[in-house]
C-alpha atoms as a PDB file:
ATOM      1  CA  MET A   1      59.064  20.694  -1.205  1.00  0.00           C
ATOM      2  CA  SER A   2      60.119  24.223  -2.058  1.00  0.00           C
ATOM      3  CA  SER A   3      63.140  24.725  -4.211  1.00  0.00           C
ATOM      4  CA  GLN A   4      65.559  27.408  -5.267  1.00  0.00           C
ATOM      5  CA  GLY A   5      67.621  27.914  -8.384  1.00  0.00           C
ATOM      6  CA  VAL A   6      66.948  26.514 -11.804  1.00  0.00           C
ATOM      7  CA  ALA A   7      67.673  22.996 -13.056  1.00  0.00           C
ATOM      8  CA  GLU A   8      70.608  22.967 -15.461  1.00  0.00           C
ATOM      9  CA  ASP A   9      71.476  20.721 -18.340  1.00  0.00           C
ATOM     10  CA  CYS A  10      73.327  17.697 -17.037  1.00  0.00           C
ATOM     11  CA  VAL A  11      75.720  15.818 -19.287  1.00  0.00           C
ATOM     12  CA  GLY A  12      76.005  12.065 -18.823  1.00  0.00           C
ATOM     13  CA  TRP A  13      76.398   8.727 -20.529  1.00  0.00           C
ATOM     14  CA  ALA A  14      73.302   6.554 -20.851  1.00  0.00           C
ATOM     15  CA  ALA A  15      72.135   3.202 -22.166  1.00  0.00           C
ATOM     16  CA  ARG A  16      69.068   3.482 -24.426  1.00  0.00           C
ATOM     17  CA  ASP A  17      68.144  -0.207 -24.704  1.00  0.00           C
ATOM     18  CA  GLU A  18      69.006  -3.724 -23.585  1.00  0.00           C
ATOM     19  CA  SER A  19      72.272  -3.718 -25.526  1.00  0.00           C
ATOM     20  CA  GLY A  20      73.538  -1.684 -22.587  1.00  0.00           C
ATOM     21  CA  VAL A  21      75.731   0.392 -24.875  1.00  0.00           C
ATOM     22  CA  LEU A  22      76.465   3.761 -23.290  1.00  0.00           C
ATOM     23  CA  SER A  23      76.712   7.019 -25.213  1.00  0.00           C
ATOM     24  CA  PRO A  24      76.489  10.744 -24.412  1.00  0.00           C
ATOM     25  CA  HIS A  25      73.127  11.969 -23.128  1.00  0.00           C
ATOM     26  CA  LYS A  26      71.861  15.351 -21.921  1.00  0.00           C
ATOM     27  CA  PHE A  27      69.123  15.588 -19.299  1.00  0.00           C
ATOM     28  CA  SER A  28      67.798  17.793 -16.510  1.00  0.00           C
ATOM     29  CA  ARG A  29      68.225  17.371 -12.779  1.00  0.00           C
ATOM     30  CA  ARG A  30      65.656  18.659 -10.318  1.00  0.00           C
ATOM     31  CA  ALA A  31      66.008  22.188  -8.973  1.00  0.00           C
ATOM     32  CA  LEU A  32      67.963  22.548  -5.740  1.00  0.00           C
ATOM     33  CA  GLY A  33      65.681  21.916  -2.755  1.00  0.00           C
ATOM     34  CA  ASN A  34      66.088  23.555   0.653  1.00  0.00           C
ATOM     35  CA  GLU A  35      67.802  20.459   2.067  1.00  0.00           C
ATOM     36  CA  ASP A  36      69.684  19.444  -1.080  1.00  0.00           C
ATOM     37  CA  LEU A  37      73.306  19.523  -2.127  1.00  0.00           C
ATOM     38  CA  HIS A  38      74.335  20.278  -5.710  1.00  0.00           C
ATOM     39  CA  ILE A  39      77.418  18.134  -6.281  1.00  0.00           C
ATOM     40  CA  LYS A  40      79.903  18.379  -9.126  1.00  0.00           C
ATOM     41  CA  ILE A  41      80.810  14.754  -9.751  1.00  0.00           C
ATOM     42  CA  THR A  42      84.558  14.156 -10.032  1.00  0.00           C
ATOM     43  CA  HIS A  43      84.630  10.349  -9.926  1.00  0.00           C
ATOM     44  CA  CYS A  44      82.264   7.385 -10.177  1.00  0.00           C
ATOM     45  CA  GLY A  45      83.028   3.740  -9.458  1.00  0.00           C
ATOM     46  CA  VAL A  46      81.907   1.006 -11.856  1.00  0.00           C
ATOM     47  CA  CYS A  47      79.772  -1.643 -10.134  1.00  0.00           C
ATOM     48  CA  TYR A  48      78.117  -4.807 -11.452  1.00  0.00           C
ATOM     49  CA  ALA A  49      74.800  -3.065 -10.789  1.00  0.00           C
ATOM     50  CA  ASP A  50      75.697  -0.858 -13.751  1.00  0.00           C
ATOM     51  CA  VAL A  51      75.704  -3.978 -15.944  1.00  0.00           C
ATOM     52  CA  VAL A  52      72.433  -5.248 -14.443  1.00  0.00           C
ATOM     53  CA  TRP A  53      70.349  -2.158 -15.162  1.00  0.00           C
ATOM     54  CA  THR A  54      71.939  -0.949 -18.379  1.00  0.00           C
ATOM     55  CA  ARG A  55      71.223  -4.411 -19.847  1.00  0.00           C
ATOM     56  CA  ASN A  56      67.823  -4.898 -18.189  1.00  0.00           C
ATOM     57  CA  LEU A  57      68.880  -8.142 -16.504  1.00  0.00           C
ATOM     58  CA  HIS A  58      66.181  -7.687 -13.835  1.00  0.00           C
ATOM     59  CA  ARG A  59      63.549  -6.758 -16.448  1.00  0.00           C
ATOM     60  CA  ASP A  60      62.804  -3.433 -14.734  1.00  0.00           C
ATOM     61  CA  SER A  61      65.139  -0.973 -16.478  1.00  0.00           C
ATOM     62  CA  MET A  62      63.637   2.418 -17.337  1.00  0.00           C
ATOM     63  CA  TYR A  63      65.525   3.800 -20.316  1.00  0.00           C
ATOM     64  CA  PRO A  64      67.483   5.899 -20.816  1.00  0.00           C
ATOM     65  CA  VAL A  65      69.552   4.529 -17.904  1.00  0.00           C
ATOM     66  CA  VAL A  66      72.409   6.670 -16.584  1.00  0.00           C
ATOM     67  CA  PRO A  67      74.229   4.234 -14.260  1.00  0.00           C
ATOM     68  CA  GLY A  68      76.621   4.779 -11.372  1.00  0.00           C
ATOM     69  CA  HIS A  69      76.107   4.622  -7.616  1.00  0.00           C
ATOM     70  CA  GLU A  70      79.645   5.020  -6.280  1.00  0.00           C
ATOM     71  CA  ILE A  71      79.798   8.796  -6.548  1.00  0.00           C
ATOM     72  CA  ALA A  72      82.427  11.205  -5.254  1.00  0.00           C
ATOM     73  CA  GLY A  73      82.528  14.926  -5.870  1.00  0.00           C
ATOM     74  CA  ILE A  74      82.561  18.475  -4.580  1.00  0.00           C
ATOM     75  CA  VAL A  75      79.648  20.519  -3.220  1.00  0.00           C
ATOM     76  CA  THR A  76      78.976  23.499  -5.479  1.00  0.00           C
ATOM     77  CA  LYS A  77      75.653  24.733  -4.004  1.00  0.00           C
ATOM     78  CA  VAL A  78      73.673  24.094  -0.824  1.00  0.00           C
ATOM     79  CA  GLY A  79      69.985  24.526  -0.051  1.00  0.00           C
ATOM     80  CA  SER A  80      68.887  27.164   2.467  1.00  0.00           C
ATOM     81  CA  ASN A  81      68.205  24.596   5.210  1.00  0.00           C
ATOM     82  CA  VAL A  82      71.419  22.573   4.806  1.00  0.00           C
ATOM     83  CA  HIS A  83      73.459  22.605   8.017  1.00  0.00           C
ATOM     84  CA  SER A  84      75.942  19.723   7.714  1.00  0.00           C
ATOM     85  CA  PHE A  85      77.747  20.677   4.504  1.00  0.00           C
ATOM     86  CA  ASN A  86      79.296  23.729   2.885  1.00  0.00           C
ATOM     87  CA  VAL A  87      80.276  24.685  -0.652  1.00  0.00           C
ATOM     88  CA  GLY A  88      83.670  23.133  -1.376  1.00  0.00           C
ATOM     89  CA  ASP A  89      83.201  20.073   0.824  1.00  0.00           C
ATOM     90  CA  HIS A  90      84.200  16.723  -0.616  1.00  0.00           C
ATOM     91  CA  VAL A  91      81.263  14.317  -0.478  1.00  0.00           C
ATOM     92  CA  GLY A  92      80.106  10.878  -1.536  1.00  0.00           C
ATOM     93  CA  VAL A  93      76.742   9.475  -2.636  1.00  0.00           C
ATOM     94  CA  GLY A  94      76.034   5.755  -2.525  1.00  0.00           C
ATOM     95  CA  THR A  95      73.382   3.338  -3.711  1.00  0.00           C
ATOM     96  CA  TYR A  96      70.299   5.293  -2.595  1.00  0.00           C
ATOM     97  CA  VAL A  97      69.301   8.948  -2.557  1.00  0.00           C
ATOM     98  CA  SER A  98      66.058   9.000  -0.579  1.00  0.00           C
ATOM     99  CA  SER A  99      63.805   7.062   1.785  1.00  0.00           C
ATOM    100  CA  CYS A 100      60.629   7.732   3.782  1.00  0.00           C
ATOM    101  CA  ARG A 101      62.598   9.177   6.739  1.00  0.00           C
ATOM    102  CA  ASP A 102      59.799   8.104   9.083  1.00  0.00           C
ATOM    103  CA  CYS A 103      59.860   4.295   9.529  1.00  0.00           C
ATOM    104  CA  GLU A 104      61.670   2.372  12.270  1.00  0.00           C
ATOM    105  CA  TYR A 105      64.655   1.682  10.019  1.00  0.00           C
ATOM    106  CA  CYS A 106      65.019   5.256   8.805  1.00  0.00           C
ATOM    107  CA  ASN A 107      64.763   6.405  12.432  1.00  0.00           C
ATOM    108  CA  ASP A 108      67.666   4.075  13.254  1.00  0.00           C
ATOM    109  CA  ARG A 109      69.704   5.421  10.307  1.00  0.00           C
ATOM    110  CA  LEU A 110      69.266   2.116   8.471  1.00  0.00           C
ATOM    111  CA  GLU A 111      67.646   3.796   5.484  1.00  0.00           C
ATOM    112  CA  VAL A 112      68.701   1.050   3.086  1.00  0.00           C
ATOM    113  CA  HIS A 113      66.016  -1.088   4.803  1.00  0.00           C
ATOM    114  CA  CYS A 114      63.289   1.598   4.631  1.00  0.00           C
ATOM    115  CA  THR A 115      59.893  -0.131   4.884  1.00  0.00           C
ATOM    116  CA  LYS A 116      58.589   1.902   1.939  1.00  0.00           C
ATOM    117  CA  GLY A 117      61.727   1.179  -0.071  1.00  0.00           C
ATOM    118  CA  SER A 118      64.773   3.372  -0.422  1.00  0.00           C
ATOM    119  CA  VAL A 119      65.082   5.265  -3.715  1.00  0.00           C
ATOM    120  CA  TYR A 120      67.951   3.906  -5.784  1.00  0.00           C
ATOM    121  CA  THR A 121      70.525   6.371  -7.058  1.00  0.00           C
ATOM    122  CA  PHE A 122      69.759   5.349 -10.627  1.00  0.00           C
ATOM    123  CA  ASN A 123      66.813   3.570 -12.251  1.00  0.00           C
ATOM    124  CA  GLY A 124      64.667   4.433  -9.235  1.00  0.00           C
ATOM    125  CA  VAL A 125      61.554   6.596  -8.899  1.00  0.00           C
ATOM    126  CA  ASP A 126      62.254   9.785  -6.939  1.00  0.00           C
ATOM    127  CA  PHE A 127      59.771  11.625  -4.706  1.00  0.00           C
ATOM    128  CA  ASP A 128      58.778  13.889  -7.606  1.00  0.00           C
ATOM    129  CA  GLY A 129      58.038  10.938  -9.895  1.00  0.00           C
ATOM    130  CA  THR A 130      61.149  11.349 -12.039  1.00  0.00           C
ATOM    131  CA  ILE A 131      63.493   8.462 -12.804  1.00  0.00           C
ATOM    132  CA  THR A 132      66.778   8.800 -10.940  1.00  0.00           C
ATOM    133  CA  LYS A 133      69.983   9.006 -12.937  1.00  0.00           C
ATOM    134  CA  GLY A 134      73.360   8.094 -11.546  1.00  0.00           C
ATOM    135  CA  GLY A 135      76.962   9.133 -11.421  1.00  0.00           C
ATOM    136  CA  TYR A 136      78.080   8.686 -15.022  1.00  0.00           C
ATOM    137  CA  SER A 137      77.209  12.375 -15.250  1.00  0.00           C
ATOM    138  CA  SER A 138      78.496  15.865 -14.571  1.00  0.00           C
ATOM    139  CA  TYR A 139      76.528  16.690 -11.425  1.00  0.00           C
ATOM    140  CA  ILE A 140      73.797  15.422  -9.125  1.00  0.00           C
ATOM    141  CA  VAL A 141      71.282  16.953  -6.681  1.00  0.00           C
ATOM    142  CA  VAL A 142      70.794  14.933  -3.490  1.00  0.00           C
ATOM    143  CA  HIS A 143      69.160  15.497  -0.080  1.00  0.00           C
ATOM    144  CA  GLU A 144      71.938  16.097   2.454  1.00  0.00           C
ATOM    145  CA  ARG A 145      70.914  13.072   4.545  1.00  0.00           C
ATOM    146  CA  TYR A 146      72.163  10.730   1.807  1.00  0.00           C
ATOM    147  CA  CYS A 147      75.496  12.477   1.315  1.00  0.00           C
ATOM    148  CA  PHE A 148      78.692  11.641   3.172  1.00  0.00           C
ATOM    149  CA  MET A 149      81.619  13.802   4.170  1.00  0.00           C
ATOM    150  CA  ILE A 150      84.919  12.699   2.671  1.00  0.00           C
ATOM    151  CA  PRO A 151      88.012  14.124   4.400  1.00  0.00           C
ATOM    152  CA  LYS A 152      89.915  16.333   1.982  1.00  0.00           C
ATOM    153  CA  SER A 153      93.059  14.312   2.681  1.00  0.00           C
ATOM    154  CA  TYR A 154      91.367  11.203   1.216  1.00  0.00           C
ATOM    155  CA  PRO A 155      91.517  11.002  -2.618  1.00  0.00           C
ATOM    156  CA  LEU A 156      88.091  11.300  -4.249  1.00  0.00           C
ATOM    157  CA  ALA A 157      88.989   8.597  -6.787  1.00  0.00           C
ATOM    158  CA  SER A 158      89.668   6.172  -3.933  1.00  0.00           C
ATOM    159  CA  ALA A 159      86.546   7.214  -2.044  1.00  0.00           C
ATOM    160  CA  ALA A 160      84.125   6.318  -4.839  1.00  0.00           C
ATOM    161  CA  PRO A 161      84.283   2.485  -4.483  1.00  0.00           C
ATOM    162  CA  LEU A 162      83.702   2.750  -0.747  1.00  0.00           C
ATOM    163  CA  LEU A 163      80.111   3.869  -1.421  1.00  0.00           C
ATOM    164  CA  CYS A 164      79.042   0.396  -2.608  1.00  0.00           C
ATOM    165  CA  ALA A 165      81.862  -2.164  -2.633  1.00  0.00           C
ATOM    166  CA  GLY A 166      83.279  -0.897   0.647  1.00  0.00           C
ATOM    167  CA  ILE A 167      80.088  -0.597   2.660  1.00  0.00           C
ATOM    168  CA  THR A 168      78.719  -3.898   1.320  1.00  0.00           C
ATOM    169  CA  VAL A 169      81.425  -5.769   3.232  1.00  0.00           C
ATOM    170  CA  TYR A 170      82.066  -3.300   6.065  1.00  0.00           C
ATOM    171  CA  SER A 171      78.468  -3.215   7.273  1.00  0.00           C
ATOM    172  CA  PRO A 172      78.020  -6.975   7.891  1.00  0.00           C
ATOM    173  CA  MET A 173      81.558  -7.315   9.233  1.00  0.00           C
ATOM    174  CA  VAL A 174      80.818  -4.788  11.968  1.00  0.00           C
ATOM    175  CA  ARG A 175      77.262  -6.031  12.569  1.00  0.00           C
ATOM    176  CA  HIS A 176      78.455  -9.614  13.080  1.00  0.00           C
ATOM    177  CA  LYS A 177      81.428  -8.508  15.195  1.00  0.00           C
ATOM    178  CA  MET A 178      84.074  -9.508  12.687  1.00  0.00           C
ATOM    179  CA  ASN A 179      86.162  -6.637  14.056  1.00  0.00           C
ATOM    180  CA  GLN A 180      87.600  -8.561  17.020  1.00  0.00           C
ATOM    181  CA  PRO A 181      91.415  -8.721  16.833  1.00  0.00           C
ATOM    182  CA  GLY A 182      92.813 -12.235  16.855  1.00  0.00           C
ATOM    183  CA  LYS A 183      89.762 -13.865  15.255  1.00  0.00           C
ATOM    184  CA  SER A 184      89.927 -15.643  11.898  1.00  0.00           C
ATOM    185  CA  LEU A 185      88.156 -14.602   8.694  1.00  0.00           C
ATOM    186  CA  GLY A 186      87.677 -16.400   5.394  1.00  0.00           C
ATOM    187  CA  VAL A 187      86.982 -14.320   2.267  1.00  0.00           C
ATOM    188  CA  ILE A 188      85.440 -16.075  -0.738  1.00  0.00           C
ATOM    189  CA  GLY A 189      86.156 -14.302  -4.010  1.00  0.00           C
ATOM    190  CA  LEU A 190      88.744 -11.630  -4.705  1.00  0.00           C
ATOM    191  CA  GLY A 191      87.007  -8.957  -6.772  1.00  0.00           C
ATOM    192  CA  GLY A 192      85.840  -5.449  -5.897  1.00  0.00           C
ATOM    193  CA  LEU A 193      84.072  -6.594  -2.708  1.00  0.00           C
ATOM    194  CA  GLY A 194      86.489  -9.358  -1.738  1.00  0.00           C
ATOM    195  CA  HIS A 195      89.607  -7.222  -1.848  1.00  0.00           C
ATOM    196  CA  MET A 196      87.922  -4.681   0.456  1.00  0.00           C
ATOM    197  CA  ALA A 197      86.937  -7.476   2.873  1.00  0.00           C
ATOM    198  CA  VAL A 198      90.614  -8.475   3.041  1.00  0.00           C
ATOM    199  CA  LYS A 199      91.672  -4.885   3.718  1.00  0.00           C
ATOM    200  CA  PHE A 200      89.053  -4.408   6.447  1.00  0.00           C
ATOM    201  CA  GLY A 201      89.878  -7.792   7.964  1.00  0.00           C
ATOM    202  CA  LYS A 202      93.548  -6.901   8.294  1.00  0.00           C
ATOM    203  CA  ALA A 203      92.690  -3.454   9.692  1.00  0.00           C
ATOM    204  CA  PHE A 204      90.463  -5.154  12.298  1.00  0.00           C
ATOM    205  CA  GLY A 205      93.366  -7.379  13.349  1.00  0.00           C
ATOM    206  CA  LEU A 206      92.003 -10.628  11.917  1.00  0.00           C
ATOM    207  CA  SER A 207      93.858 -13.583  10.434  1.00  0.00           C
ATOM    208  CA  VAL A 208      92.566 -13.569   6.845  1.00  0.00           C
ATOM    209  CA  THR A 209      92.329 -16.538   4.487  1.00  0.00           C
ATOM    210  CA  VAL A 210      91.350 -15.918   0.856  1.00  0.00           C
ATOM    211  CA  PHE A 211      89.490 -18.595  -1.107  1.00  0.00           C
ATOM    212  CA  SER A 212      89.559 -18.468  -4.882  1.00  0.00           C
ATOM    213  CA  THR A 213      89.001 -20.799  -7.812  1.00  0.00           C
ATOM    214  CA  SER A 214      92.136 -19.418  -9.444  1.00  0.00           C
ATOM    215  CA  ILE A 215      95.696 -20.090  -8.293  1.00  0.00           C
ATOM    216  CA  SER A 216      96.710 -17.032 -10.323  1.00  0.00           C
ATOM    217  CA  LYS A 217      95.358 -14.777  -7.561  1.00  0.00           C
ATOM    218  CA  GLU A 218      97.634 -16.181  -4.842  1.00  0.00           C
ATOM    219  CA  GLU A 219     100.453 -13.683  -5.263  1.00  0.00           C
ATOM    220  CA  GLU A 220      98.197 -10.636  -5.236  1.00  0.00           C
ATOM    221  CA  ALA A 221      96.159 -11.950  -2.272  1.00  0.00           C
ATOM    222  CA  LEU A 222      99.241 -12.517  -0.121  1.00  0.00           C
ATOM    223  CA  SER A 223     101.686  -9.852  -1.293  1.00  0.00           C
ATOM    224  CA  LEU A 224      99.505  -7.040  -2.587  1.00  0.00           C
ATOM    225  CA  LEU A 225      96.553  -7.256  -0.189  1.00  0.00           C
ATOM    226  CA  GLY A 226      98.285  -8.767   2.826  1.00  0.00           C
ATOM    227  CA  ALA A 227      96.144 -11.877   3.372  1.00  0.00           C
ATOM    228  CA  ASP A 228      97.651 -14.476   5.697  1.00  0.00           C
ATOM    229  CA  LYS A 229      96.661 -17.560   3.692  1.00  0.00           C
ATOM    230  CA  PHE A 230      95.450 -18.417   0.209  1.00  0.00           C
ATOM    231  CA  VAL A 231      93.465 -21.541  -0.649  1.00  0.00           C
ATOM    232  CA  VAL A 232      92.313 -22.823  -4.026  1.00  0.00           C
ATOM    233  CA  SER A 233      88.764 -23.859  -3.173  1.00  0.00           C
ATOM    234  CA  SER A 234      88.862 -26.937  -5.435  1.00  0.00           C
ATOM    235  CA  ASN A 235      91.861 -28.337  -3.550  1.00  0.00           C
ATOM    236  CA  GLN A 236      90.276 -30.887  -1.198  1.00  0.00           C
ATOM    237  CA  GLU A 237      93.429 -31.349   0.834  1.00  0.00           C
ATOM    238  CA  GLU A 238      93.832 -27.644   1.552  1.00  0.00           C
ATOM    239  CA  MET A 239      90.138 -27.273   2.384  1.00  0.00           C
ATOM    240  CA  THR A 240      90.102 -30.277   4.727  1.00  0.00           C
ATOM    241  CA  ALA A 241      93.152 -28.935   6.568  1.00  0.00           C
ATOM    242  CA  LEU A 242      91.121 -25.844   7.522  1.00  0.00           C
ATOM    243  CA  ALA A 243      88.110 -27.709   8.950  1.00  0.00           C
ATOM    244  CA  LYS A 244      86.536 -25.935  11.943  1.00  0.00           C
ATOM    245  CA  SER A 245      89.212 -23.226  11.948  1.00  0.00           C
ATOM    246  CA  LEU A 246      87.398 -20.011  10.989  1.00  0.00           C
ATOM    247  CA  ASP A 247      85.294 -17.705  13.147  1.00  0.00           C
ATOM    248  CA  PHE A 248      83.790 -15.886  10.174  1.00  0.00           C
ATOM    249  CA  ILE A 249      83.383 -16.230   6.431  1.00  0.00           C
ATOM    250  CA  ILE A 250      82.260 -13.454   4.108  1.00  0.00           C
ATOM    251  CA  ASP A 251      81.184 -14.726   0.686  1.00  0.00           C
ATOM    252  CA  THR A 252      81.493 -12.155  -2.100  1.00  0.00           C
ATOM    253  CA  ALA A 253      81.196 -14.603  -5.014  1.00  0.00           C
ATOM    254  CA  SER A 254      78.214 -14.181  -7.341  1.00  0.00           C
ATOM    255  CA  GLY A 255      78.964 -17.202  -9.507  1.00  0.00           C
ATOM    256  CA  ASP A 256      77.284 -20.446  -8.486  1.00  0.00           C
ATOM    257  CA  HIS A 257      79.343 -22.439  -5.989  1.00  0.00           C
ATOM    258  CA  PRO A 258      78.814 -25.090  -3.291  1.00  0.00           C
ATOM    259  CA  PHE A 259      78.231 -23.937   0.276  1.00  0.00           C
ATOM    260  CA  ASP A 260      78.693 -27.078   2.379  1.00  0.00           C
ATOM    261  CA  PRO A 261      82.506 -27.172   1.946  1.00  0.00           C
ATOM    262  CA  TYR A 262      82.780 -23.649   3.319  1.00  0.00           C
ATOM    263  CA  LEU A 263      80.351 -24.189   6.204  1.00  0.00           C
ATOM    264  CA  SER A 264      82.554 -27.101   7.307  1.00  0.00           C
ATOM    265  CA  LEU A 265      85.392 -24.621   7.827  1.00  0.00           C
ATOM    266  CA  LEU A 266      83.533 -22.654  10.508  1.00  0.00           C
ATOM    267  CA  LYS A 267      84.111 -23.143  14.202  1.00  0.00           C
ATOM    268  CA  THR A 268      81.187 -23.751  16.533  1.00  0.00           C
ATOM    269  CA  TYR A 269      78.984 -20.601  16.526  1.00  0.00           C
ATOM    270  CA  GLY A 270      80.759 -19.472  13.370  1.00  0.00           C
ATOM    271  CA  VAL A 271      79.095 -16.909  11.098  1.00  0.00           C
ATOM    272  CA  PHE A 272      78.798 -17.115   7.304  1.00  0.00           C
ATOM    273  CA  VAL A 273      77.660 -13.912   5.558  1.00  0.00           C
ATOM    274  CA  LEU A 274      76.599 -13.847   1.917  1.00  0.00           C
ATOM    275  CA  VAL A 275      76.993 -10.545   0.059  1.00  0.00           C
ATOM    276  CA  GLY A 276      77.301 -11.978  -3.465  1.00  0.00           C
ATOM    277  CA  VAL A 277      74.218 -13.009  -5.437  1.00  0.00           C
ATOM    278  CA  PRO A 278      74.522 -16.519  -6.916  1.00  0.00           C
ATOM    279  CA  SER A 279      71.481 -17.951  -8.672  1.00  0.00           C
ATOM    280  CA  GLU A 280      70.769 -20.251  -5.722  1.00  0.00           C
ATOM    281  CA  VAL A 281      71.957 -20.999  -2.203  1.00  0.00           C
ATOM    282  CA  LYS A 282      71.917 -24.667  -1.320  1.00  0.00           C
ATOM    283  CA  PHE A 283      73.401 -26.506   1.656  1.00  0.00           C
ATOM    284  CA  SER A 284      72.621 -29.415   3.940  1.00  0.00           C
ATOM    285  CA  PRO A 285      70.776 -28.556   7.178  1.00  0.00           C
ATOM    286  CA  VAL A 286      73.378 -30.667   8.950  1.00  0.00           C
ATOM    287  CA  SER A 287      76.071 -28.200   7.866  1.00  0.00           C
ATOM    288  CA  LEU A 288      74.173 -25.530   9.751  1.00  0.00           C
ATOM    289  CA  VAL A 289      72.896 -27.256  12.876  1.00  0.00           C
ATOM    290  CA  ILE A 290      76.099 -29.141  13.727  1.00  0.00           C
ATOM    291  CA  GLY A 291      78.173 -26.451  15.372  1.00  0.00           C
ATOM    292  CA  SER A 292      75.214 -24.065  15.761  1.00  0.00           C
ATOM    293  CA  LYS A 293      76.353 -21.930  12.860  1.00  0.00           C
ATOM    294  CA  THR A 294      74.741 -18.774  11.517  1.00  0.00           C
ATOM    295  CA  VAL A 295      74.128 -17.979   7.841  1.00  0.00           C
ATOM    296  CA  ALA A 296      73.182 -14.386   7.054  1.00  0.00           C
ATOM    297  CA  GLY A 297      72.808 -12.079   4.078  1.00  0.00           C
ATOM    298  CA  SER A 298      73.561  -8.399   3.706  1.00  0.00           C
ATOM    299  CA  ILE A 299      73.308  -5.515   1.239  1.00  0.00           C
ATOM    300  CA  THR A 300      74.933  -2.093   1.621  1.00  0.00           C
ATOM    301  CA  GLY A 301      74.335  -0.115   4.804  1.00  0.00           C
ATOM    302  CA  GLY A 302      72.617   2.781   6.515  1.00  0.00           C
ATOM    303  CA  THR A 303      73.866   6.342   6.500  1.00  0.00           C
ATOM    304  CA  LYS A 304      75.448   6.037   9.958  1.00  0.00           C
ATOM    305  CA  ASP A 305      77.483   2.990   8.915  1.00  0.00           C
ATOM    306  CA  ILE A 306      78.588   4.559   5.630  1.00  0.00           C
ATOM    307  CA  GLN A 307      79.976   7.677   7.286  1.00  0.00           C
ATOM    308  CA  GLU A 308      81.630   5.538   9.957  1.00  0.00           C
ATOM    309  CA  MET A 309      83.279   3.404   7.257  1.00  0.00           C
ATOM    310  CA  ILE A 310      84.607   6.417   5.339  1.00  0.00           C
ATOM    311  CA  ASP A 311      86.068   7.837   8.554  1.00  0.00           C
ATOM    312  CA  PHE A 312      87.582   4.439   9.415  1.00  0.00           C
ATOM    313  CA  CYS A 313      89.238   4.194   5.988  1.00  0.00           C
ATOM    314  CA  ALA A 314      90.633   7.710   6.259  1.00  0.00           C
ATOM    315  CA  ALA A 315      91.941   7.130   9.784  1.00  0.00           C
ATOM    316  CA  ASN A 316      93.549   3.796   8.931  1.00  0.00           C
ATOM    317  CA  GLY A 317      94.863   4.518   5.443  1.00  0.00           C
ATOM    318  CA  ILE A 318      92.618   1.987   3.710  1.00  0.00           C
ATOM    319  CA  TYR A 319      92.299   2.589  -0.035  1.00  0.00           C
ATOM    320  CA  PRO A 320      90.591   0.452  -2.683  1.00  0.00           C
ATOM    321  CA  ASN A 321      92.839  -0.731  -5.513  1.00  0.00           C
ATOM    322  CA  ILE A 322      91.494   1.069  -8.551  1.00  0.00           C
ATOM    323  CA  GLU A 323      91.985   1.436 -12.288  1.00  0.00           C
ATOM    324  CA  LEU A 324      91.204   5.023 -13.259  1.00  0.00           C
ATOM    325  CA  ILE A 325      89.537   5.328 -16.671  1.00  0.00           C
ATOM    326  CA  PRO A 326      87.995   8.054 -18.864  1.00  0.00           C
ATOM    327  CA  ILE A 327      84.237   8.013 -19.505  1.00  0.00           C
ATOM    328  CA  GLU A 328      84.937   7.036 -23.133  1.00  0.00           C
ATOM    329  CA  TYR A 329      86.216   3.689 -21.843  1.00  0.00           C
ATOM    330  CA  ALA A 330      83.010   2.898 -19.903  1.00  0.00           C
ATOM    331  CA  ASN A 331      81.657   0.333 -22.385  1.00  0.00           C
ATOM    332  CA  GLU A 332      84.940  -1.574 -22.443  1.00  0.00           C
ATOM    333  CA  ALA A 333      85.116  -1.390 -18.658  1.00  0.00           C
ATOM    334  CA  LEU A 334      81.684  -3.000 -18.298  1.00  0.00           C
ATOM    335  CA  GLU A 335      82.753  -5.803 -20.640  1.00  0.00           C
ATOM    336  CA  ARG A 336      85.928  -6.327 -18.657  1.00  0.00           C
ATOM    337  CA  LEU A 337      83.935  -6.294 -15.413  1.00  0.00           C
ATOM    338  CA  ILE A 338      81.703  -9.073 -16.763  1.00  0.00           C
ATOM    339  CA  ASN A 339      84.858 -11.028 -17.603  1.00  0.00           C
ATOM    340  CA  LYS A 340      86.334 -10.335 -14.125  1.00  0.00           C
ATOM    341  CA  ASP A 341      89.229  -8.518 -15.739  1.00  0.00           C
ATOM    342  CA  VAL A 342      89.776  -5.710 -13.238  1.00  0.00           C
ATOM    343  CA  LYS A 343      91.961  -5.200 -10.179  1.00  0.00           C
ATOM    344  CA  TYR A 344      89.867  -4.374  -8.394  1.00  0.00           C
ATOM    345  CA  ARG A 345      87.516  -1.517  -9.197  1.00  0.00           C
ATOM    346  CA  PHE A 346      87.197   0.704 -12.231  1.00  0.00           C
ATOM    347  CA  VAL A 347      86.728   4.364 -11.339  1.00  0.00           C
ATOM    348  CA  ILE A 348      85.653   6.837 -14.015  1.00  0.00           C
ATOM    349  CA  ASP A 349      87.513  10.137 -14.010  1.00  0.00           C
ATOM    350  CA  ILE A 350      84.387  12.197 -14.644  1.00  0.00           C
ATOM    351  CA  GLU A 351      86.017  15.533 -13.925  1.00  0.00           C
ATOM    352  CA  ASN A 352      88.740  15.208 -16.557  1.00  0.00           C
ATOM    353  CA  SER A 353      86.966  13.225 -19.271  1.00  0.00           C
ATOM    354  CA  LEU A 354      83.246  14.061 -19.353  1.00  0.00           C
ATOM    355  CA  LYS A 355      82.749  17.042 -21.643  1.00  0.00           C
END
C-alpha cells in the first residue's frame, strides 16, 4: 500500500499494565495511505471494552493499550484515492478499522463478521503488523471504508456513543424486525446499551417495557427515556402479569441473571436477543420450544448498518444521554463505569482537554 505524508507524533492516554491506569503517552500513527482519512479526534465514548483491554481481562492485551472505539472527529487530510469524504467532514469510527474486504461478509458490508477477522480499533493487529491504538488520542488514520459521515447538524459528542452502544442494539433490532410500529419490546438493563434500545424502540413505534433490578431507575426509564412500562425483575407478581405479552426482548445486561423468567414473557414466535455478555447463558429447552421462540446473539454491525443508524438518529432527533468529561477524568470514569455509576455514557472531550 503506497502512502503519502509523514506520520506525526500522536498524543494519547494509555495503560501500561494490568492495573489499567491510564496516563499520557506519545506514539506514531501510520502515514496517510491513498484510501485513508486523517481524522482529528474531538470526542471518544467510554465503553466497557476499554475496561476489558486496559486491565487484560481477556488475557490478550498488548501494552501499551490506548483504548477507545467510539470515535468522532473532523477530517483533516484525505488520501489521493478517497472519493467519499472531504477535509472538514465530520466523521465517526467504530469498533473496527479494517477487514479482508474480499470475503462473503465483507462483500455484503457485514465487515464485523469478516471470515479472516476484522481488525479492532484498539489492541488489534493492523495490516502492517502494528498494534492498533484507539480514540483516547489526538488523531487517527483510518481507511475510508470504516469511517462514517456524521451530519454537521448532529453534535459530535452525541455521535460518539452511537459507534458502539448505538449500533450494538440498532443492528439486531432491525435484523429481527423490531422496527414494526405497534409491536411490544422488552429491554433488560438500563445502561449505555439499554437506554439506546429504549430510544430506538420508541422511534420505531414500539410499546417499550424496561426491566431492571433497581426500582431507583423507574423514574428515569419512564420520564426521561419515555418507556411505557417499568418492571422490577425480582417482582414475581409484575413479571407474571406480563406472561406471553412481548414480541421482542433485547437483553443488554452483562451481569449473571436467569433467562427462563424472561423467555416466559415472549409471545409465540417471540424473539430474544442477547447483546450483553454474562458469564453463562442457561435456560430450559421447554422455555424455547413451547411457543417456538428464537434466541439470538449479536455484536455491533456492518458499515452499511452503522451509516444507516447514524442517518436515522439524525433524522429522528435521537441523542444518547451523555456525561462529557475531560481526558484527565478517564481513570475515574472507568471506575464509575465498573460501578454502573453513569447516565448513560461517558464521552471524553478530547478536543478541549487532551494537550
